[in-house]
N, C-alpha and C. Protein backbone atom coordinates (compact mmCIF):
# COMPACT_ATOMS: atom_id res chain seq x y z
N MET A 1 129.66 65.23 -145.59
CA MET A 1 129.61 64.13 -146.54
C MET A 1 128.67 64.50 -147.68
N ARG A 2 129.10 64.23 -148.91
CA ARG A 2 128.27 64.53 -150.07
C ARG A 2 127.04 63.62 -150.09
N LYS A 3 125.97 64.12 -150.69
CA LYS A 3 124.75 63.33 -150.79
C LYS A 3 124.99 62.02 -151.55
N ALA A 4 125.81 62.08 -152.60
CA ALA A 4 126.10 60.87 -153.37
C ALA A 4 126.75 59.81 -152.50
N ASP A 5 127.73 60.20 -151.69
CA ASP A 5 128.41 59.25 -150.81
C ASP A 5 127.45 58.63 -149.82
N LEU A 6 126.55 59.44 -149.29
CA LEU A 6 125.55 58.94 -148.35
C LEU A 6 124.62 57.94 -149.01
N LEU A 7 124.15 58.26 -150.22
CA LEU A 7 123.26 57.34 -150.94
C LEU A 7 123.98 56.06 -151.31
N PHE A 8 125.23 56.15 -151.78
CA PHE A 8 126.00 54.97 -152.14
C PHE A 8 126.26 54.10 -150.91
N ARG A 9 126.56 54.73 -149.79
CA ARG A 9 126.80 53.97 -148.57
C ARG A 9 125.54 53.22 -148.13
N PHE A 10 124.40 53.92 -148.16
CA PHE A 10 123.14 53.28 -147.77
C PHE A 10 122.80 52.13 -148.73
N TYR A 11 122.95 52.38 -150.02
CA TYR A 11 122.65 51.34 -151.02
C TYR A 11 123.60 50.15 -150.83
N GLY A 12 124.86 50.43 -150.57
CA GLY A 12 125.86 49.38 -150.40
C GLY A 12 125.62 48.51 -149.17
N MET A 13 124.92 49.05 -148.16
CA MET A 13 124.63 48.26 -146.96
C MET A 13 123.80 47.03 -147.28
N SER A 14 123.03 47.07 -148.34
CA SER A 14 122.19 45.94 -148.74
C SER A 14 122.89 45.03 -149.74
N HIS A 15 124.15 45.31 -150.04
CA HIS A 15 124.85 44.57 -151.08
C HIS A 15 126.27 44.20 -150.63
N LYS A 16 126.36 43.48 -149.54
CA LYS A 16 127.66 43.14 -148.98
C LYS A 16 128.12 41.74 -149.37
N LYS A 17 127.17 40.83 -149.57
CA LYS A 17 127.55 39.45 -149.92
C LYS A 17 127.81 39.36 -151.42
N LEU A 18 128.87 38.66 -151.75
CA LEU A 18 129.34 38.61 -153.13
C LEU A 18 128.28 38.09 -154.10
N ARG A 19 127.54 37.06 -153.72
CA ARG A 19 126.52 36.49 -154.61
C ARG A 19 125.44 37.52 -154.92
N ASN A 20 125.02 38.26 -153.92
CA ASN A 20 124.01 39.31 -154.12
C ASN A 20 124.58 40.43 -154.99
N GLU A 21 125.82 40.81 -154.72
CA GLU A 21 126.43 41.89 -155.49
C GLU A 21 126.57 41.50 -156.96
N TRP A 22 127.00 40.28 -157.23
CA TRP A 22 127.13 39.83 -158.62
C TRP A 22 125.77 39.77 -159.30
N GLY A 23 124.75 39.38 -158.55
CA GLY A 23 123.39 39.40 -159.11
C GLY A 23 122.98 40.79 -159.53
N HIS A 24 123.42 41.78 -158.77
CA HIS A 24 123.10 43.16 -159.12
C HIS A 24 123.92 43.65 -160.30
N TRP A 25 125.14 43.14 -160.46
CA TRP A 25 125.94 43.51 -161.64
C TRP A 25 125.26 43.07 -162.92
N VAL A 26 124.48 42.00 -162.86
CA VAL A 26 123.72 41.55 -164.03
C VAL A 26 122.34 42.20 -164.05
N GLY A 27 121.65 42.13 -162.92
CA GLY A 27 120.25 42.56 -162.86
C GLY A 27 120.01 44.04 -163.05
N VAL A 28 120.82 44.89 -162.43
CA VAL A 28 120.59 46.34 -162.50
C VAL A 28 120.67 46.84 -163.94
N PRO A 29 121.72 46.49 -164.70
CA PRO A 29 121.74 46.96 -166.10
C PRO A 29 120.59 46.43 -166.94
N VAL A 30 120.18 45.17 -166.69
CA VAL A 30 119.06 44.61 -167.45
C VAL A 30 117.76 45.33 -167.11
N VAL A 31 117.53 45.61 -165.83
CA VAL A 31 116.32 46.36 -165.44
C VAL A 31 116.36 47.75 -166.07
N PHE A 32 117.49 48.41 -165.99
CA PHE A 32 117.65 49.76 -166.55
C PHE A 32 117.36 49.75 -168.05
N LEU A 33 117.97 48.81 -168.76
CA LEU A 33 117.78 48.70 -170.21
C LEU A 33 116.33 48.38 -170.54
N SER A 34 115.72 47.48 -169.79
CA SER A 34 114.34 47.09 -170.10
C SER A 34 113.36 48.24 -169.85
N ILE A 35 113.64 49.07 -168.84
CA ILE A 35 112.78 50.24 -168.61
C ILE A 35 112.93 51.22 -169.76
N LEU A 36 114.16 51.49 -170.19
CA LEU A 36 114.36 52.36 -171.36
C LEU A 36 113.68 51.76 -172.58
N GLY A 37 113.76 50.44 -172.71
CA GLY A 37 113.11 49.76 -173.83
C GLY A 37 111.60 49.95 -173.82
N MET A 38 111.00 49.77 -172.65
CA MET A 38 109.54 49.96 -172.56
C MET A 38 109.17 51.41 -172.87
N PHE A 39 109.96 52.36 -172.36
CA PHE A 39 109.71 53.77 -172.67
C PHE A 39 109.81 54.03 -174.17
N SER A 40 110.71 53.32 -174.84
CA SER A 40 110.91 53.55 -176.28
C SER A 40 109.70 53.14 -177.10
N LEU A 41 108.84 52.32 -176.53
CA LEU A 41 107.68 51.83 -177.27
C LEU A 41 106.44 52.70 -177.10
N PHE A 42 106.57 53.78 -176.32
CA PHE A 42 105.45 54.72 -176.23
C PHE A 42 105.24 55.30 -177.63
N PRO A 43 103.98 55.44 -178.03
CA PRO A 43 103.71 55.89 -179.41
C PRO A 43 103.94 57.39 -179.61
N LEU A 44 105.19 57.78 -179.56
CA LEU A 44 105.57 59.17 -179.82
C LEU A 44 106.55 59.19 -180.98
N ARG A 45 106.73 60.34 -181.55
CA ARG A 45 107.69 60.47 -182.66
C ARG A 45 109.10 60.12 -182.21
N ASP A 46 109.89 59.74 -183.19
CA ASP A 46 111.29 59.42 -182.92
C ASP A 46 112.20 60.54 -183.41
N PHE A 47 113.29 60.69 -182.72
CA PHE A 47 114.39 61.55 -183.16
C PHE A 47 115.44 60.61 -183.72
N CYS A 48 115.75 60.73 -185.01
CA CYS A 48 116.65 59.78 -185.66
C CYS A 48 117.92 60.46 -186.16
N ILE A 49 119.01 59.71 -186.05
CA ILE A 49 120.28 60.10 -186.65
C ILE A 49 120.55 59.01 -187.69
N GLY A 50 120.22 59.31 -188.92
CA GLY A 50 120.33 58.28 -189.96
C GLY A 50 119.33 57.16 -189.69
N GLU A 51 119.61 55.98 -190.21
CA GLU A 51 118.72 54.85 -189.99
C GLU A 51 119.17 53.97 -188.84
N PHE A 52 120.40 54.17 -188.39
CA PHE A 52 120.95 53.25 -187.42
C PHE A 52 120.63 53.60 -185.97
N PHE A 53 120.13 54.81 -185.70
CA PHE A 53 119.90 55.21 -184.31
C PHE A 53 118.70 56.14 -184.23
N CYS A 54 117.63 55.65 -183.63
CA CYS A 54 116.44 56.46 -183.38
C CYS A 54 116.10 56.39 -181.89
N VAL A 55 115.70 57.51 -181.35
CA VAL A 55 115.31 57.60 -179.94
C VAL A 55 113.96 58.28 -179.90
N GLY A 56 113.01 57.68 -179.18
CA GLY A 56 111.71 58.32 -179.00
C GLY A 56 111.85 59.59 -178.18
N TYR A 57 111.01 60.57 -178.46
CA TYR A 57 111.09 61.83 -177.74
C TYR A 57 110.92 61.63 -176.24
N PHE A 58 110.13 60.64 -175.84
CA PHE A 58 109.96 60.37 -174.42
C PHE A 58 111.30 59.98 -173.80
N ASN A 59 112.08 59.14 -174.49
CA ASN A 59 113.40 58.77 -173.97
C ASN A 59 114.39 59.92 -174.02
N VAL A 60 114.20 60.87 -174.92
CA VAL A 60 115.05 62.07 -174.91
C VAL A 60 114.80 62.84 -173.61
N ILE A 61 113.53 63.00 -173.26
CA ILE A 61 113.17 63.69 -172.01
C ILE A 61 113.71 62.92 -170.82
N VAL A 62 113.55 61.58 -170.82
CA VAL A 62 114.05 60.74 -169.74
C VAL A 62 115.57 60.89 -169.61
N THR A 63 116.26 60.91 -170.73
CA THR A 63 117.73 61.04 -170.72
C THR A 63 118.15 62.37 -170.10
N VAL A 64 117.47 63.44 -170.46
CA VAL A 64 117.79 64.75 -169.88
C VAL A 64 117.55 64.73 -168.37
N LEU A 65 116.40 64.19 -167.95
CA LEU A 65 116.08 64.15 -166.52
C LEU A 65 117.08 63.27 -165.75
N LEU A 66 117.43 62.13 -166.31
CA LEU A 66 118.42 61.26 -165.66
C LEU A 66 119.76 61.95 -165.54
N THR A 67 120.17 62.63 -166.61
CA THR A 67 121.46 63.32 -166.59
C THR A 67 121.47 64.42 -165.53
N VAL A 68 120.38 65.15 -165.39
CA VAL A 68 120.29 66.18 -164.35
C VAL A 68 120.37 65.53 -162.96
N PHE A 69 119.65 64.42 -162.77
CA PHE A 69 119.69 63.71 -161.49
C PHE A 69 121.12 63.29 -161.16
N TYR A 70 121.78 62.64 -162.12
CA TYR A 70 123.14 62.17 -161.88
C TYR A 70 124.13 63.33 -161.74
N TRP A 71 123.90 64.42 -162.47
CA TRP A 71 124.77 65.60 -162.40
C TRP A 71 124.77 66.16 -160.98
N ARG A 72 123.60 66.13 -160.36
CA ARG A 72 123.49 66.64 -158.99
C ARG A 72 124.24 65.76 -158.00
N LEU A 73 124.42 64.48 -158.35
CA LEU A 73 125.20 63.57 -157.50
C LEU A 73 126.69 63.76 -157.74
N SER A 74 127.06 63.74 -159.03
CA SER A 74 128.48 63.83 -159.39
C SER A 74 128.57 64.12 -160.88
N LYS A 75 129.33 65.13 -161.24
CA LYS A 75 129.50 65.48 -162.65
C LYS A 75 130.17 64.34 -163.42
N LYS A 76 131.15 63.72 -162.79
CA LYS A 76 131.87 62.63 -163.43
C LYS A 76 130.93 61.44 -163.70
N ILE A 77 130.15 61.07 -162.70
CA ILE A 77 129.19 59.97 -162.87
C ILE A 77 128.16 60.34 -163.92
N ALA A 78 127.70 61.58 -163.92
CA ALA A 78 126.69 62.01 -164.89
C ALA A 78 127.20 61.88 -166.32
N MET A 79 128.44 62.28 -166.55
CA MET A 79 128.98 62.21 -167.91
C MET A 79 129.11 60.76 -168.39
N VAL A 80 129.60 59.90 -167.50
CA VAL A 80 129.73 58.48 -167.89
C VAL A 80 128.35 57.84 -168.03
N MET A 81 127.43 58.17 -167.13
CA MET A 81 126.07 57.63 -167.23
C MET A 81 125.40 58.08 -168.53
N LEU A 82 125.64 59.31 -168.95
CA LEU A 82 125.07 59.79 -170.21
C LEU A 82 125.55 58.93 -171.37
N VAL A 83 126.84 58.62 -171.39
CA VAL A 83 127.38 57.75 -172.44
C VAL A 83 126.72 56.37 -172.36
N LEU A 84 126.60 55.83 -171.15
CA LEU A 84 125.97 54.51 -170.98
C LEU A 84 124.50 54.52 -171.38
N ILE A 85 123.81 55.60 -171.06
CA ILE A 85 122.39 55.73 -171.46
C ILE A 85 122.29 55.76 -172.98
N LEU A 86 123.14 56.53 -173.63
CA LEU A 86 123.10 56.60 -175.10
C LEU A 86 123.43 55.25 -175.73
N LEU A 87 124.41 54.54 -175.18
CA LEU A 87 124.70 53.19 -175.67
C LEU A 87 123.51 52.26 -175.44
N SER A 88 122.86 52.40 -174.30
CA SER A 88 121.67 51.60 -174.01
C SER A 88 120.55 51.90 -174.99
N LEU A 89 120.36 53.18 -175.31
CA LEU A 89 119.32 53.55 -176.26
C LEU A 89 119.63 53.02 -177.66
N PHE A 90 120.91 52.98 -178.01
CA PHE A 90 121.29 52.38 -179.29
C PHE A 90 120.93 50.90 -179.29
N LEU A 91 121.24 50.20 -178.19
CA LEU A 91 120.89 48.78 -178.08
C LEU A 91 119.38 48.58 -178.10
N VAL A 92 118.65 49.45 -177.43
CA VAL A 92 117.17 49.39 -177.44
C VAL A 92 116.65 49.52 -178.87
N HIS A 93 117.22 50.46 -179.62
CA HIS A 93 116.79 50.63 -181.02
C HIS A 93 117.03 49.35 -181.82
N GLN A 94 118.17 48.71 -181.59
CA GLN A 94 118.47 47.47 -182.31
C GLN A 94 117.49 46.37 -181.91
N ILE A 95 117.20 46.25 -180.61
CA ILE A 95 116.23 45.25 -180.15
C ILE A 95 114.88 45.52 -180.76
N ASN A 96 114.46 46.77 -180.79
CA ASN A 96 113.16 47.12 -181.37
C ASN A 96 113.10 46.75 -182.86
N GLN A 97 114.20 46.95 -183.57
CA GLN A 97 114.24 46.61 -185.00
C GLN A 97 114.12 45.10 -185.20
N ILE A 98 114.81 44.34 -184.36
CA ILE A 98 114.81 42.88 -184.51
C ILE A 98 113.52 42.27 -183.99
N ALA A 99 113.05 42.70 -182.82
CA ALA A 99 111.89 42.06 -182.18
C ALA A 99 110.56 42.58 -182.72
N GLY A 100 110.55 43.77 -183.28
CA GLY A 100 109.30 44.32 -183.81
C GLY A 100 108.22 44.42 -182.75
N ASP A 101 107.04 43.87 -183.04
CA ASP A 101 105.92 43.94 -182.10
C ASP A 101 106.16 43.12 -180.84
N ALA A 102 107.09 42.19 -180.88
CA ALA A 102 107.38 41.36 -179.70
C ALA A 102 108.31 42.06 -178.70
N ALA A 103 108.73 43.29 -179.02
CA ALA A 103 109.67 43.99 -178.14
C ALA A 103 109.10 44.17 -176.73
N TRP A 104 107.79 44.46 -176.64
CA TRP A 104 107.18 44.59 -175.30
C TRP A 104 107.45 43.34 -174.47
N GLY A 105 107.22 42.19 -175.07
CA GLY A 105 107.43 40.93 -174.37
C GLY A 105 108.88 40.74 -173.97
N VAL A 106 109.79 41.10 -174.86
CA VAL A 106 111.22 40.98 -174.56
C VAL A 106 111.56 41.82 -173.33
N TYR A 107 111.10 43.06 -173.33
CA TYR A 107 111.43 43.95 -172.21
C TYR A 107 110.74 43.52 -170.92
N LEU A 108 109.50 43.08 -171.00
CA LEU A 108 108.79 42.64 -169.79
C LEU A 108 109.43 41.41 -169.18
N VAL A 109 109.78 40.43 -170.01
CA VAL A 109 110.42 39.22 -169.50
C VAL A 109 111.79 39.55 -168.91
N ALA A 110 112.57 40.36 -169.62
CA ALA A 110 113.90 40.75 -169.12
C ALA A 110 113.77 41.47 -167.78
N PHE A 111 112.82 42.40 -167.69
CA PHE A 111 112.61 43.14 -166.45
C PHE A 111 112.23 42.19 -165.31
N ALA A 112 111.25 41.32 -165.57
CA ALA A 112 110.76 40.42 -164.52
C ALA A 112 111.85 39.47 -164.04
N VAL A 113 112.59 38.87 -164.96
CA VAL A 113 113.64 37.92 -164.58
C VAL A 113 114.75 38.64 -163.80
N ALA A 114 115.18 39.80 -164.29
CA ALA A 114 116.24 40.55 -163.62
C ALA A 114 115.79 41.04 -162.25
N TRP A 115 114.57 41.51 -162.17
CA TRP A 115 114.05 42.01 -160.90
C TRP A 115 113.93 40.87 -159.89
N LEU A 116 113.39 39.73 -160.32
CA LEU A 116 113.28 38.58 -159.42
C LEU A 116 114.65 38.12 -158.94
N GLY A 117 115.63 38.11 -159.84
CA GLY A 117 116.99 37.74 -159.45
C GLY A 117 117.54 38.65 -158.38
N GLN A 118 117.26 39.94 -158.50
CA GLN A 118 117.73 40.88 -157.48
C GLN A 118 117.01 40.68 -156.16
N VAL A 119 115.71 40.42 -156.22
CA VAL A 119 114.94 40.20 -154.99
C VAL A 119 115.45 38.95 -154.28
N PHE A 120 115.71 37.88 -155.02
CA PHE A 120 116.25 36.67 -154.40
C PHE A 120 117.63 36.93 -153.81
N GLY A 121 118.45 37.71 -154.49
CA GLY A 121 119.77 38.06 -153.96
C GLY A 121 119.66 38.85 -152.67
N LEU A 122 118.71 39.76 -152.62
CA LEU A 122 118.51 40.55 -151.41
C LEU A 122 117.96 39.70 -150.27
N GLN A 123 117.10 38.72 -150.60
CA GLN A 123 116.61 37.80 -149.57
C GLN A 123 117.77 37.00 -149.00
N TYR A 124 118.67 36.56 -149.87
CA TYR A 124 119.87 35.84 -149.45
C TYR A 124 120.68 36.70 -148.47
N GLU A 125 120.69 37.98 -148.74
CA GLU A 125 121.41 38.94 -147.90
C GLU A 125 120.61 39.29 -146.65
N GLY A 126 119.32 38.96 -146.65
CA GLY A 126 118.46 39.30 -145.52
C GLY A 126 117.99 40.74 -145.55
N ARG A 127 117.90 41.32 -146.73
CA ARG A 127 117.52 42.73 -146.89
C ARG A 127 116.31 42.87 -147.82
N ARG A 128 115.70 44.03 -147.74
CA ARG A 128 114.64 44.39 -148.67
C ARG A 128 115.22 45.35 -149.70
N PRO A 129 114.62 45.42 -150.90
CA PRO A 129 115.12 46.37 -151.90
C PRO A 129 115.14 47.80 -151.35
N SER A 130 116.23 48.51 -151.59
CA SER A 130 116.40 49.88 -151.09
C SER A 130 115.32 50.80 -151.61
N LEU A 131 114.83 50.53 -152.81
CA LEU A 131 113.84 51.45 -153.38
C LEU A 131 112.51 51.40 -152.64
N PHE A 132 112.30 50.39 -151.77
CA PHE A 132 111.10 50.40 -150.94
C PHE A 132 111.17 51.53 -149.91
N LYS A 133 112.37 51.98 -149.57
CA LYS A 133 112.53 53.11 -148.66
C LYS A 133 112.43 54.43 -149.40
N ASP A 134 112.98 54.46 -150.63
CA ASP A 134 113.01 55.69 -151.41
C ASP A 134 113.15 55.31 -152.88
N LEU A 135 112.23 55.76 -153.69
CA LEU A 135 112.18 55.39 -155.11
C LEU A 135 113.44 55.83 -155.88
N GLN A 136 114.14 56.85 -155.39
CA GLN A 136 115.34 57.30 -156.10
C GLN A 136 116.41 56.21 -156.14
N PHE A 137 116.31 55.18 -155.29
CA PHE A 137 117.30 54.11 -155.31
C PHE A 137 117.19 53.28 -156.59
N LEU A 138 116.08 53.39 -157.30
CA LEU A 138 115.99 52.77 -158.62
C LEU A 138 117.03 53.39 -159.56
N LEU A 139 117.30 54.66 -159.37
CA LEU A 139 118.31 55.36 -160.18
C LEU A 139 119.70 55.27 -159.57
N ILE A 140 119.77 55.02 -158.28
CA ILE A 140 121.07 54.93 -157.60
C ILE A 140 121.77 53.62 -157.96
N GLY A 141 121.03 52.55 -158.19
CA GLY A 141 121.63 51.25 -158.51
C GLY A 141 122.66 51.32 -159.63
N PRO A 142 122.30 51.83 -160.81
CA PRO A 142 123.29 51.93 -161.89
C PRO A 142 124.48 52.83 -161.52
N ALA A 143 124.20 53.94 -160.84
CA ALA A 143 125.27 54.86 -160.46
C ALA A 143 126.18 54.22 -159.41
N TRP A 144 125.62 53.41 -158.52
CA TRP A 144 126.40 52.71 -157.50
C TRP A 144 127.38 51.74 -158.16
N LEU A 145 126.90 51.00 -159.16
CA LEU A 145 127.78 50.08 -159.88
C LEU A 145 128.89 50.86 -160.59
N LEU A 146 128.53 51.95 -161.22
CA LEU A 146 129.52 52.78 -161.90
C LEU A 146 130.52 53.36 -160.91
N HIS A 147 130.02 53.84 -159.79
CA HIS A 147 130.88 54.40 -158.74
C HIS A 147 131.89 53.35 -158.25
N LYS A 148 131.42 52.11 -158.04
CA LYS A 148 132.33 51.04 -157.61
C LYS A 148 133.39 50.78 -158.67
N THR A 149 132.99 50.79 -159.94
CA THR A 149 133.94 50.57 -161.03
C THR A 149 134.97 51.69 -161.09
N MET A 150 134.50 52.92 -160.97
CA MET A 150 135.41 54.06 -161.05
C MET A 150 136.38 54.09 -159.87
N ARG A 151 135.88 53.72 -158.69
CA ARG A 151 136.74 53.69 -157.51
C ARG A 151 137.79 52.59 -157.62
N SER A 152 137.39 51.42 -158.14
CA SER A 152 138.35 50.32 -158.26
C SER A 152 139.41 50.65 -159.30
N GLY A 153 139.08 51.47 -160.31
CA GLY A 153 140.05 51.88 -161.31
C GLY A 153 141.06 52.89 -160.79
N GLU A 154 140.70 53.59 -159.72
CA GLU A 154 141.59 54.60 -159.13
C GLU A 154 142.65 53.98 -158.23
N LYS A 155 142.43 52.75 -157.79
CA LYS A 155 143.35 52.12 -156.83
C LYS A 155 144.57 51.59 -157.50
């Protein structure tokens, strides 16, 4: 069995009830986006393509590391996740432009609300967050959702 299948199976064991699963469909992307958003506010230079898209060098490094992590799980998931990460970084740039100095607050509130929603969903399920067992499950959550989407499209 591939490592990705094993990780997805373990992660999925905590997400069997529909209400909890739907909470993760909302919460996981918001947590992921808010973490990228907080990383974008580190005071480092930006890499810009015109005026419409700038990415902090820290997020460039994060994107490369995430892509390598996902590539080791599945090349197909890695390629789609890379597109989703780039779209997320574009959205982060737009939020930063609109929110200005308040962007930290936007990302912190979004992270806290989304994370609490997931914790309550897991309590409903009678489970603890998977990342308490292994921190890599913080990265598996988005890939698990993508994997479920890709599998449902194949049927």
